[in-house]
Amino acid sequence: MIEIWNKEVPLKISLFAWRLLHDRLLTTDNLIKRHILHLNAHLCVGECGMIEDVNHLFLSCDFFGKLWYGISHWLGYHLMFPKNVSDHLYQFDTFNDFSNSKRSALNLILLSYV
């Protein structure tokens, strides 16, 4: 799994990544569950018309999710885009041809995105 507690990454980014992986971000679906927003306020802030949750926001949103395609193209890898964030990040750990330094750099890139 991606190494979120990396000494080269600011603590606030690692905390954000932890919250992302544990579905603790203040997305509209979580705010509705906590009775902070009304049920009719469930649409994505990217104005794509879909229900906003962590997986949609970071993977499949037409507005925000496109960045993953740019990262994979930049790395020269074809990625599968699963439905949940933890499976998506897990696939980066399966790149066998990455040295430790490349894997560390990849962790920094991924954490910078989130």
N, C-alpha and C. Protein backbone atom coordinates (compact mmCIF):
# COMPACT_ATOMS: atom_id res chain seq x y z
N MET A 1 0.84 -1.19 0.00
CA MET A 1 0.00 0.00 0.00
C MET A 1 0.88 1.24 0.00
N ILE A 2 0.36 2.31 -0.48
CA ILE A 2 1.10 3.56 -0.53
C ILE A 2 1.52 3.97 0.89
N GLU A 3 2.70 4.48 0.99
CA GLU A 3 3.26 4.87 2.28
C GLU A 3 2.84 6.30 2.60
N ILE A 4 1.78 6.45 3.40
CA ILE A 4 1.27 7.80 3.65
C ILE A 4 2.05 8.53 4.73
N TRP A 5 2.71 7.79 5.60
CA TRP A 5 3.50 8.44 6.66
C TRP A 5 4.94 8.51 6.19
N ASN A 6 5.20 9.48 5.33
CA ASN A 6 6.51 9.66 4.72
C ASN A 6 7.12 10.93 5.30
N LYS A 7 8.36 10.83 5.81
CA LYS A 7 8.97 11.99 6.46
C LYS A 7 9.24 13.14 5.49
N GLU A 8 9.23 12.88 4.20
CA GLU A 8 9.46 13.93 3.21
C GLU A 8 8.19 14.67 2.82
N VAL A 9 7.07 14.20 3.33
CA VAL A 9 5.77 14.80 3.01
C VAL A 9 5.28 15.57 4.22
N PRO A 10 4.78 16.79 4.03
CA PRO A 10 4.24 17.53 5.17
C PRO A 10 3.14 16.74 5.89
N LEU A 11 3.11 16.88 7.20
CA LEU A 11 2.16 16.13 8.02
C LEU A 11 0.72 16.36 7.58
N LYS A 12 0.36 17.59 7.21
CA LYS A 12 -1.03 17.86 6.83
C LYS A 12 -1.42 17.07 5.58
N ILE A 13 -0.47 16.80 4.68
CA ILE A 13 -0.78 16.00 3.49
C ILE A 13 -0.95 14.53 3.87
N SER A 14 -0.09 14.03 4.76
CA SER A 14 -0.24 12.65 5.23
C SER A 14 -1.57 12.47 5.96
N LEU A 15 -1.95 13.44 6.78
CA LEU A 15 -3.24 13.35 7.47
C LEU A 15 -4.40 13.37 6.49
N PHE A 16 -4.29 14.21 5.46
CA PHE A 16 -5.34 14.24 4.44
C PHE A 16 -5.43 12.89 3.73
N ALA A 17 -4.29 12.30 3.39
CA ALA A 17 -4.28 10.99 2.73
C ALA A 17 -4.89 9.93 3.62
N TRP A 18 -4.58 9.97 4.92
CA TRP A 18 -5.16 9.01 5.85
C TRP A 18 -6.68 9.16 5.89
N ARG A 19 -7.12 10.42 5.97
CA ARG A 19 -8.57 10.68 5.99
C ARG A 19 -9.22 10.23 4.68
N LEU A 20 -8.53 10.41 3.57
CA LEU A 20 -9.04 9.96 2.28
C LEU A 20 -9.22 8.45 2.27
N LEU A 21 -8.21 7.73 2.70
CA LEU A 21 -8.26 6.26 2.67
C LEU A 21 -9.25 5.68 3.67
N HIS A 22 -9.60 6.44 4.69
CA HIS A 22 -10.55 5.97 5.70
C HIS A 22 -11.92 6.64 5.56
N ASP A 23 -12.17 7.26 4.42
CA ASP A 23 -13.45 7.92 4.12
C ASP A 23 -13.87 8.88 5.23
N ARG A 24 -12.94 9.71 5.64
CA ARG A 24 -13.19 10.69 6.69
C ARG A 24 -13.17 12.13 6.17
N LEU A 25 -13.15 12.30 4.85
CA LEU A 25 -13.16 13.65 4.28
C LEU A 25 -14.57 14.22 4.33
N LEU A 26 -14.65 15.53 4.32
CA LEU A 26 -15.96 16.18 4.39
C LEU A 26 -16.58 16.32 3.00
N THR A 27 -16.85 15.18 2.39
CA THR A 27 -17.57 15.15 1.12
C THR A 27 -19.05 15.32 1.41
N THR A 28 -19.81 15.62 0.38
CA THR A 28 -21.24 15.86 0.63
C THR A 28 -21.92 14.62 1.21
N ASP A 29 -21.54 13.42 0.77
CA ASP A 29 -22.19 12.23 1.34
C ASP A 29 -21.89 12.08 2.82
N ASN A 30 -20.66 12.38 3.25
CA ASN A 30 -20.34 12.32 4.68
C ASN A 30 -21.03 13.44 5.47
N LEU A 31 -21.15 14.61 4.88
CA LEU A 31 -21.86 15.71 5.55
C LEU A 31 -23.35 15.42 5.68
N ILE A 32 -23.91 14.73 4.71
CA ILE A 32 -25.32 14.32 4.80
C ILE A 32 -25.48 13.27 5.90
N LYS A 33 -24.55 12.31 5.97
CA LYS A 33 -24.62 11.28 7.02
C LYS A 33 -24.53 11.90 8.41
N ARG A 34 -23.82 13.00 8.53
CA ARG A 34 -23.66 13.68 9.83
C ARG A 34 -24.76 14.71 10.07
N HIS A 35 -25.72 14.76 9.18
CA HIS A 35 -26.86 15.67 9.27
C HIS A 35 -26.44 17.14 9.26
N ILE A 36 -25.39 17.45 8.53
CA ILE A 36 -24.95 18.83 8.36
C ILE A 36 -25.55 19.42 7.10
N LEU A 37 -25.66 18.62 6.06
CA LEU A 37 -26.32 19.04 4.81
C LEU A 37 -27.63 18.29 4.64
N HIS A 38 -28.53 18.86 3.88
CA HIS A 38 -29.79 18.20 3.56
C HIS A 38 -29.58 17.15 2.48
N LEU A 39 -30.49 16.21 2.40
CA LEU A 39 -30.39 15.12 1.43
C LEU A 39 -30.32 15.61 -0.01
N ASN A 40 -30.89 16.76 -0.31
CA ASN A 40 -30.89 17.25 -1.69
C ASN A 40 -29.56 17.90 -2.09
N ALA A 41 -28.59 17.98 -1.18
CA ALA A 41 -27.29 18.61 -1.47
C ALA A 41 -26.23 17.54 -1.71
N HIS A 42 -26.54 16.53 -2.49
CA HIS A 42 -25.65 15.39 -2.65
C HIS A 42 -24.80 15.41 -3.92
N LEU A 43 -24.94 16.42 -4.75
CA LEU A 43 -24.23 16.43 -6.02
C LEU A 43 -22.79 16.90 -5.87
N CYS A 44 -21.95 16.43 -6.74
CA CYS A 44 -20.51 16.71 -6.74
C CYS A 44 -20.23 18.19 -6.95
N VAL A 45 -19.21 18.69 -6.25
CA VAL A 45 -18.83 20.10 -6.39
C VAL A 45 -18.17 20.37 -7.74
N GLY A 46 -17.78 19.33 -8.46
CA GLY A 46 -17.20 19.48 -9.79
C GLY A 46 -18.25 19.72 -10.86
N GLU A 47 -19.50 19.81 -10.43
CA GLU A 47 -20.64 20.08 -11.31
C GLU A 47 -20.78 19.08 -12.45
N CYS A 48 -20.47 17.81 -12.14
CA CYS A 48 -20.62 16.77 -13.16
C CYS A 48 -21.99 16.09 -13.07
N GLY A 49 -22.76 16.43 -12.03
CA GLY A 49 -24.11 15.89 -11.90
C GLY A 49 -24.20 14.56 -11.18
N MET A 50 -23.08 14.06 -10.66
CA MET A 50 -23.07 12.77 -9.97
C MET A 50 -23.08 13.00 -8.46
N ILE A 51 -23.40 11.94 -7.71
CA ILE A 51 -23.38 12.00 -6.26
C ILE A 51 -21.92 12.03 -5.80
N GLU A 52 -21.61 12.94 -4.90
CA GLU A 52 -20.23 13.11 -4.45
C GLU A 52 -19.92 12.23 -3.26
N ASP A 53 -18.96 11.35 -3.45
CA ASP A 53 -18.34 10.63 -2.35
C ASP A 53 -16.84 10.58 -2.65
N VAL A 54 -16.06 10.03 -1.75
CA VAL A 54 -14.60 10.02 -1.91
C VAL A 54 -14.19 9.33 -3.20
N ASN A 55 -14.76 8.18 -3.48
CA ASN A 55 -14.36 7.42 -4.66
C ASN A 55 -14.72 8.15 -5.95
N HIS A 56 -15.90 8.74 -5.98
CA HIS A 56 -16.27 9.51 -7.17
C HIS A 56 -15.36 10.71 -7.35
N LEU A 57 -15.15 11.46 -6.28
CA LEU A 57 -14.40 12.70 -6.34
C LEU A 57 -12.97 12.49 -6.82
N PHE A 58 -12.32 11.44 -6.34
CA PHE A 58 -10.91 11.24 -6.67
C PHE A 58 -10.66 10.30 -7.84
N LEU A 59 -11.68 9.57 -8.30
CA LEU A 59 -11.44 8.61 -9.38
C LEU A 59 -12.29 8.82 -10.63
N SER A 60 -13.57 9.02 -10.45
CA SER A 60 -14.43 9.00 -11.64
C SER A 60 -15.06 10.33 -12.01
N CYS A 61 -14.81 11.37 -11.24
CA CYS A 61 -15.36 12.68 -11.56
C CYS A 61 -14.75 13.21 -12.86
N ASP A 62 -15.59 13.69 -13.75
CA ASP A 62 -15.10 14.24 -15.01
C ASP A 62 -14.19 15.43 -14.79
N PHE A 63 -14.40 16.15 -13.70
CA PHE A 63 -13.62 17.35 -13.44
C PHE A 63 -12.33 17.04 -12.68
N PHE A 64 -12.42 16.33 -11.54
CA PHE A 64 -11.26 16.10 -10.69
C PHE A 64 -10.51 14.80 -11.01
N GLY A 65 -11.22 13.79 -11.46
CA GLY A 65 -10.60 12.48 -11.68
C GLY A 65 -9.64 12.41 -12.85
N LYS A 66 -9.67 13.39 -13.74
CA LYS A 66 -8.81 13.37 -14.93
C LYS A 66 -7.33 13.44 -14.60
N LEU A 67 -6.99 13.93 -13.44
CA LEU A 67 -5.58 14.06 -13.09
C LEU A 67 -4.88 12.71 -13.02
N TRP A 68 -5.59 11.66 -12.60
CA TRP A 68 -4.98 10.32 -12.56
C TRP A 68 -4.54 9.87 -13.94
N TYR A 69 -5.33 10.19 -14.95
CA TYR A 69 -4.94 9.83 -16.32
C TYR A 69 -3.66 10.54 -16.72
N GLY A 70 -3.52 11.80 -16.33
CA GLY A 70 -2.30 12.55 -16.62
C GLY A 70 -1.10 11.97 -15.91
N ILE A 71 -1.28 11.57 -14.66
CA ILE A 71 -0.17 10.97 -13.90
C ILE A 71 0.25 9.66 -14.53
N SER A 72 -0.70 8.81 -14.87
CA SER A 72 -0.34 7.51 -15.45
C SER A 72 0.32 7.68 -16.81
N HIS A 73 -0.13 8.63 -17.59
CA HIS A 73 0.51 8.90 -18.89
C HIS A 73 1.94 9.41 -18.68
N TRP A 74 2.10 10.31 -17.73
CA TRP A 74 3.42 10.87 -17.43
C TRP A 74 4.39 9.78 -16.97
N LEU A 75 3.88 8.81 -16.17
CA LEU A 75 4.71 7.71 -15.71
C LEU A 75 4.94 6.66 -16.79
N GLY A 76 4.15 6.71 -17.85
CA GLY A 76 4.28 5.73 -18.92
C GLY A 76 3.64 4.39 -18.60
N TYR A 77 2.66 4.38 -17.71
CA TYR A 77 1.96 3.16 -17.32
C TYR A 77 0.49 3.28 -17.65
N HIS A 78 -0.09 2.15 -18.01
CA HIS A 78 -1.53 2.09 -18.21
C HIS A 78 -2.12 1.54 -16.92
N LEU A 79 -2.98 2.30 -16.32
CA LEU A 79 -3.56 1.92 -15.05
C LEU A 79 -5.01 1.51 -15.22
N MET A 80 -5.42 0.60 -14.34
CA MET A 80 -6.83 0.30 -14.22
C MET A 80 -7.39 1.29 -13.21
N PHE A 81 -8.60 1.71 -13.41
CA PHE A 81 -9.21 2.65 -12.49
C PHE A 81 -10.35 1.96 -11.76
N PRO A 82 -10.04 1.32 -10.62
CA PRO A 82 -11.07 0.63 -9.86
C PRO A 82 -12.06 1.62 -9.25
N LYS A 83 -13.04 1.09 -8.59
CA LYS A 83 -14.11 1.92 -8.03
C LYS A 83 -13.77 2.54 -6.68
N ASN A 84 -12.73 2.05 -5.99
CA ASN A 84 -12.42 2.67 -4.70
C ASN A 84 -10.97 3.11 -4.63
N VAL A 85 -10.71 4.10 -3.80
CA VAL A 85 -9.42 4.76 -3.71
C VAL A 85 -8.33 3.82 -3.21
N SER A 86 -8.62 3.00 -2.22
CA SER A 86 -7.58 2.12 -1.67
C SER A 86 -7.10 1.11 -2.71
N ASP A 87 -8.00 0.53 -3.51
CA ASP A 87 -7.58 -0.38 -4.58
C ASP A 87 -6.78 0.35 -5.64
N HIS A 88 -7.16 1.57 -5.92
CA HIS A 88 -6.45 2.36 -6.92
C HIS A 88 -5.01 2.63 -6.47
N LEU A 89 -4.83 3.03 -5.22
CA LEU A 89 -3.49 3.32 -4.72
C LEU A 89 -2.67 2.05 -4.55
N TYR A 90 -3.34 0.92 -4.26
CA TYR A 90 -2.64 -0.35 -4.09
C TYR A 90 -1.92 -0.76 -5.37
N GLN A 91 -2.51 -0.45 -6.51
CA GLN A 91 -1.90 -0.89 -7.77
C GLN A 91 -0.53 -0.24 -8.00
N PHE A 92 -0.29 0.93 -7.43
CA PHE A 92 1.01 1.56 -7.57
C PHE A 92 2.09 0.77 -6.84
N ASP A 93 1.69 0.04 -5.82
CA ASP A 93 2.64 -0.78 -5.06
C ASP A 93 3.02 -2.05 -5.82
N THR A 94 2.30 -2.35 -6.90
CA THR A 94 2.57 -3.56 -7.67
C THR A 94 3.54 -3.33 -8.83
N PHE A 95 4.06 -2.13 -8.97
CA PHE A 95 5.03 -1.86 -10.02
C PHE A 95 6.37 -2.48 -9.63
N ASN A 96 6.64 -3.67 -10.14
CA ASN A 96 7.82 -4.42 -9.74
C ASN A 96 9.12 -3.83 -10.26
N ASP A 97 9.07 -3.09 -11.34
CA ASP A 97 10.30 -2.58 -11.93
C ASP A 97 10.74 -1.25 -11.34
N PHE A 98 10.11 -0.82 -10.25
CA PHE A 98 10.49 0.43 -9.60
C PHE A 98 11.55 0.15 -8.54
N SER A 99 12.61 0.91 -8.56
CA SER A 99 13.61 0.84 -7.50
C SER A 99 13.04 1.51 -6.26
N ASN A 100 13.73 1.38 -5.14
CA ASN A 100 13.25 2.02 -3.91
C ASN A 100 13.17 3.53 -4.06
N SER A 101 14.14 4.13 -4.75
CA SER A 101 14.12 5.58 -4.92
C SER A 101 12.96 6.01 -5.83
N LYS A 102 12.68 5.22 -6.88
CA LYS A 102 11.54 5.54 -7.75
C LYS A 102 10.23 5.36 -6.99
N ARG A 103 10.15 4.31 -6.17
CA ARG A 103 8.94 4.07 -5.39
C ARG A 103 8.71 5.20 -4.40
N SER A 104 9.78 5.69 -3.78
CA SER A 104 9.67 6.81 -2.85
C SER A 104 9.21 8.07 -3.58
N ALA A 105 9.77 8.31 -4.76
CA ALA A 105 9.36 9.47 -5.56
C ALA A 105 7.90 9.34 -5.97
N LEU A 106 7.46 8.14 -6.33
CA LEU A 106 6.07 7.92 -6.70
C LEU A 106 5.15 8.20 -5.52
N ASN A 107 5.54 7.76 -4.33
CA ASN A 107 4.74 8.05 -3.13
C ASN A 107 4.59 9.55 -2.94
N LEU A 108 5.66 10.29 -3.15
CA LEU A 108 5.60 11.74 -3.01
C LEU A 108 4.64 12.35 -4.03
N ILE A 109 4.71 11.88 -5.28
CA ILE A 109 3.82 12.38 -6.33
C ILE A 109 2.38 12.10 -5.97
N LEU A 110 2.09 10.88 -5.57
CA LEU A 110 0.71 10.50 -5.25
C LEU A 110 0.18 11.26 -4.05
N LEU A 111 1.01 11.41 -3.03
CA LEU A 111 0.57 12.16 -1.86
C LEU A 111 0.39 13.63 -2.17
N SER A 112 1.19 14.14 -3.09
CA SER A 112 1.03 15.55 -3.49
C SER A 112 -0.28 15.75 -4.22
N TYR A 113 -0.71 14.73 -4.95
CA TYR A 113 -1.99 14.84 -5.67
C TYR A 113 -3.15 14.90 -4.69
N VAL A 114 -3.13 13.98 -3.72
CA VAL A 114 -4.26 13.94 -2.79
C VAL A 114 -4.20 15.13 -1.90
